[in-house]
Amino acid sequence: MTEETQTLDALGLLCPLPVLKARKRLKSMAPGAVLRLLADDPAAVVDVPHFCAEAGHVLIGQEDAVDHQIYLIRRAE
């Protein structure tokens, strides 16, 4: 498993764009790599975990920053 981490800044984007951009970025990443997704869309709190569960990716972390959320997603093997 690789420790590669990429950051995707989805700040200012509304549903469904943060998840769509995350899906596109994850497709280009190696299996096991980690995507750090920054989002301030209120719907992302529901959308990102649902997307991970449906696509087989692992949501390994979720935290609140001052004005946005940070999601750590490990790409499916």
N, C-alpha and C. Protein backbone atom coordinates (compact mmCIF):
# COMPACT_ATOMS: atom_id res chain seq x y z
N MET A 1 0.85 -1.18 0.00
CA MET A 1 0.00 0.00 0.00
C MET A 1 0.89 1.24 0.00
N THR A 2 0.56 2.17 -0.84
CA THR A 2 1.35 3.38 -0.96
C THR A 2 0.93 4.43 0.06
N GLU A 3 1.82 5.34 0.37
CA GLU A 3 1.51 6.42 1.31
C GLU A 3 1.30 7.75 0.58
N GLU A 4 1.15 7.69 -0.75
CA GLU A 4 0.94 8.90 -1.54
C GLU A 4 -0.32 9.63 -1.06
N THR A 5 -0.20 10.94 -0.86
CA THR A 5 -1.35 11.75 -0.47
C THR A 5 -1.45 12.94 -1.41
N GLN A 6 -2.64 13.16 -1.91
CA GLN A 6 -2.91 14.33 -2.75
C GLN A 6 -4.01 15.14 -2.07
N THR A 7 -4.01 16.44 -2.32
CA THR A 7 -5.04 17.31 -1.77
C THR A 7 -5.91 17.84 -2.90
N LEU A 8 -7.22 17.78 -2.67
CA LEU A 8 -8.19 18.33 -3.61
C LEU A 8 -8.95 19.44 -2.89
N ASP A 9 -8.80 20.65 -3.39
CA ASP A 9 -9.48 21.81 -2.81
C ASP A 9 -10.82 21.99 -3.51
N ALA A 10 -11.91 21.62 -2.82
CA ALA A 10 -13.25 21.76 -3.37
C ALA A 10 -14.01 22.87 -2.64
N LEU A 11 -13.27 23.79 -2.03
CA LEU A 11 -13.91 24.89 -1.31
C LEU A 11 -14.69 25.77 -2.28
N GLY A 12 -15.89 26.15 -1.89
CA GLY A 12 -16.73 26.99 -2.72
C GLY A 12 -17.59 26.23 -3.71
N LEU A 13 -17.39 24.92 -3.81
CA LEU A 13 -18.18 24.11 -4.72
C LEU A 13 -19.37 23.50 -4.00
N LEU A 14 -20.51 23.47 -4.66
CA LEU A 14 -21.72 22.91 -4.07
C LEU A 14 -22.01 21.53 -4.64
N CYS A 15 -22.82 20.79 -3.91
CA CYS A 15 -23.24 19.44 -4.28
C CYS A 15 -23.75 19.44 -5.72
N PRO A 16 -23.34 18.50 -6.50
CA PRO A 16 -22.53 17.31 -6.21
C PRO A 16 -21.05 17.46 -6.58
N LEU A 17 -20.59 18.67 -6.86
CA LEU A 17 -19.24 18.86 -7.39
C LEU A 17 -18.11 18.34 -6.51
N PRO A 18 -18.13 18.53 -5.18
CA PRO A 18 -17.02 17.97 -4.39
C PRO A 18 -16.84 16.46 -4.57
N VAL A 19 -17.96 15.73 -4.59
CA VAL A 19 -17.88 14.28 -4.76
C VAL A 19 -17.48 13.92 -6.19
N LEU A 20 -18.01 14.62 -7.17
CA LEU A 20 -17.64 14.33 -8.56
C LEU A 20 -16.16 14.58 -8.81
N LYS A 21 -15.63 15.66 -8.26
CA LYS A 21 -14.20 15.95 -8.43
C LYS A 21 -13.35 14.94 -7.66
N ALA A 22 -13.82 14.51 -6.49
CA ALA A 22 -13.10 13.49 -5.72
C ALA A 22 -13.07 12.18 -6.49
N ARG A 23 -14.19 11.80 -7.09
CA ARG A 23 -14.24 10.56 -7.87
C ARG A 23 -13.24 10.60 -9.02
N LYS A 24 -13.21 11.72 -9.74
CA LYS A 24 -12.29 11.86 -10.87
C LYS A 24 -10.83 11.78 -10.41
N ARG A 25 -10.50 12.47 -9.31
CA ARG A 25 -9.12 12.46 -8.82
C ARG A 25 -8.73 11.07 -8.34
N LEU A 26 -9.61 10.39 -7.61
CA LEU A 26 -9.31 9.06 -7.10
C LEU A 26 -9.04 8.07 -8.22
N LYS A 27 -9.75 8.21 -9.35
CA LYS A 27 -9.52 7.31 -10.48
C LYS A 27 -8.10 7.39 -10.99
N SER A 28 -7.49 8.57 -10.88
CA SER A 28 -6.13 8.75 -11.40
C SER A 28 -5.05 8.39 -10.38
N MET A 29 -5.45 8.04 -9.17
CA MET A 29 -4.50 7.72 -8.11
C MET A 29 -4.28 6.22 -8.00
N ALA A 30 -3.16 5.85 -7.42
CA ALA A 30 -2.84 4.44 -7.22
C ALA A 30 -3.72 3.85 -6.12
N PRO A 31 -4.06 2.57 -6.23
CA PRO A 31 -4.80 1.92 -5.15
C PRO A 31 -4.06 2.07 -3.82
N GLY A 32 -4.79 2.42 -2.78
CA GLY A 32 -4.20 2.60 -1.46
C GLY A 32 -3.74 4.01 -1.18
N ALA A 33 -3.69 4.85 -2.22
CA ALA A 33 -3.28 6.25 -2.02
C ALA A 33 -4.37 6.99 -1.26
N VAL A 34 -3.99 8.10 -0.65
CA VAL A 34 -4.92 8.87 0.18
C VAL A 34 -5.19 10.22 -0.47
N LEU A 35 -6.48 10.55 -0.53
CA LEU A 35 -6.91 11.85 -1.03
C LEU A 35 -7.38 12.68 0.17
N ARG A 36 -6.85 13.88 0.27
CA ARG A 36 -7.27 14.83 1.31
C ARG A 36 -8.21 15.82 0.62
N LEU A 37 -9.49 15.74 0.95
CA LEU A 37 -10.52 16.55 0.32
C LEU A 37 -10.92 17.68 1.25
N LEU A 38 -10.84 18.91 0.75
CA LEU A 38 -11.27 20.08 1.51
C LEU A 38 -12.61 20.53 0.92
N ALA A 39 -13.64 20.64 1.75
CA ALA A 39 -14.96 21.02 1.26
C ALA A 39 -15.68 21.87 2.30
N ASP A 40 -16.45 22.85 1.80
CA ASP A 40 -17.26 23.66 2.71
C ASP A 40 -18.75 23.57 2.38
N ASP A 41 -19.12 22.66 1.50
CA ASP A 41 -20.52 22.43 1.17
C ASP A 41 -21.18 21.69 2.34
N PRO A 42 -22.26 22.23 2.90
CA PRO A 42 -22.91 21.55 4.04
C PRO A 42 -23.35 20.12 3.71
N ALA A 43 -23.68 19.84 2.46
CA ALA A 43 -24.12 18.50 2.08
C ALA A 43 -22.98 17.49 2.04
N ALA A 44 -21.75 17.96 2.02
CA ALA A 44 -20.60 17.05 1.94
C ALA A 44 -20.53 16.13 3.16
N VAL A 45 -21.04 16.57 4.29
CA VAL A 45 -21.02 15.75 5.51
C VAL A 45 -21.77 14.43 5.28
N VAL A 46 -22.78 14.47 4.46
CA VAL A 46 -23.54 13.27 4.12
C VAL A 46 -23.01 12.64 2.83
N ASP A 47 -22.72 13.47 1.84
CA ASP A 47 -22.34 12.99 0.51
C ASP A 47 -21.02 12.22 0.49
N VAL A 48 -20.00 12.73 1.16
CA VAL A 48 -18.68 12.10 1.09
C VAL A 48 -18.69 10.70 1.72
N PRO A 49 -19.21 10.52 2.94
CA PRO A 49 -19.25 9.15 3.48
C PRO A 49 -20.08 8.20 2.62
N HIS A 50 -21.19 8.70 2.07
CA HIS A 50 -22.04 7.87 1.21
C HIS A 50 -21.28 7.46 -0.06
N PHE A 51 -20.60 8.42 -0.67
CA PHE A 51 -19.80 8.14 -1.86
C PHE A 51 -18.75 7.07 -1.57
N CYS A 52 -18.04 7.21 -0.46
CA CYS A 52 -17.00 6.23 -0.10
C CYS A 52 -17.58 4.84 0.06
N ALA A 53 -18.70 4.75 0.77
CA ALA A 53 -19.34 3.45 0.99
C ALA A 53 -19.79 2.83 -0.33
N GLU A 54 -20.36 3.61 -1.21
CA GLU A 54 -20.85 3.10 -2.49
C GLU A 54 -19.71 2.70 -3.42
N ALA A 55 -18.62 3.45 -3.42
CA ALA A 55 -17.51 3.21 -4.36
C ALA A 55 -16.48 2.23 -3.82
N GLY A 56 -16.57 1.89 -2.54
CA GLY A 56 -15.61 0.95 -1.96
C GLY A 56 -14.36 1.60 -1.40
N HIS A 57 -14.31 2.93 -1.40
CA HIS A 57 -13.17 3.63 -0.81
C HIS A 57 -13.35 3.67 0.71
N VAL A 58 -12.27 3.94 1.43
CA VAL A 58 -12.33 3.98 2.89
C VAL A 58 -12.19 5.43 3.36
N LEU A 59 -13.18 5.89 4.10
CA LEU A 59 -13.10 7.21 4.72
C LEU A 59 -12.31 7.01 6.01
N ILE A 60 -11.03 7.40 5.99
CA ILE A 60 -10.16 7.13 7.14
C ILE A 60 -10.11 8.28 8.13
N GLY A 61 -10.69 9.41 7.76
CA GLY A 61 -10.72 10.53 8.69
C GLY A 61 -11.63 11.63 8.20
N GLN A 62 -12.20 12.32 9.16
CA GLN A 62 -13.07 13.45 8.86
C GLN A 62 -12.96 14.42 10.03
N GLU A 63 -12.64 15.68 9.74
CA GLU A 63 -12.53 16.65 10.82
C GLU A 63 -13.01 18.02 10.36
N ASP A 64 -13.40 18.82 11.33
CA ASP A 64 -13.85 20.18 11.05
C ASP A 64 -12.69 21.14 11.22
N ALA A 65 -12.49 21.99 10.22
CA ALA A 65 -11.54 23.10 10.32
C ALA A 65 -12.38 24.34 10.63
N VAL A 66 -11.76 25.50 10.63
CA VAL A 66 -12.46 26.73 11.00
C VAL A 66 -13.68 26.97 10.12
N ASP A 67 -13.52 26.88 8.80
CA ASP A 67 -14.63 27.20 7.91
C ASP A 67 -14.88 26.13 6.85
N HIS A 68 -14.37 24.91 7.07
CA HIS A 68 -14.59 23.82 6.13
C HIS A 68 -14.34 22.48 6.81
N GLN A 69 -14.56 21.42 6.07
CA GLN A 69 -14.29 20.08 6.56
C GLN A 69 -13.13 19.49 5.77
N ILE A 70 -12.43 18.56 6.42
CA ILE A 70 -11.32 17.84 5.80
C ILE A 70 -11.66 16.36 5.85
N TYR A 71 -11.62 15.72 4.69
CA TYR A 71 -11.89 14.29 4.59
C TYR A 71 -10.64 13.60 4.07
N LEU A 72 -10.29 12.48 4.69
CA LEU A 72 -9.19 11.65 4.21
C LEU A 72 -9.78 10.37 3.67
N ILE A 73 -9.54 10.14 2.37
CA ILE A 73 -10.14 9.00 1.68
C ILE A 73 -9.03 8.13 1.12
N ARG A 74 -9.05 6.85 1.50
CA ARG A 74 -8.08 5.90 0.93
C ARG A 74 -8.74 5.22 -0.27
N ARG A 75 -8.04 5.29 -1.42
CA ARG A 75 -8.58 4.72 -2.65
C ARG A 75 -8.70 3.21 -2.51
N ALA A 76 -9.77 2.69 -3.06
CA ALA A 76 -10.01 1.24 -3.02
C ALA A 76 -8.87 0.50 -3.72
N GLU A 77 -8.61 -0.68 -3.23
CA GLU A 77 -7.56 -1.53 -3.81
C GLU A 77 -8.00 -2.07 -5.09
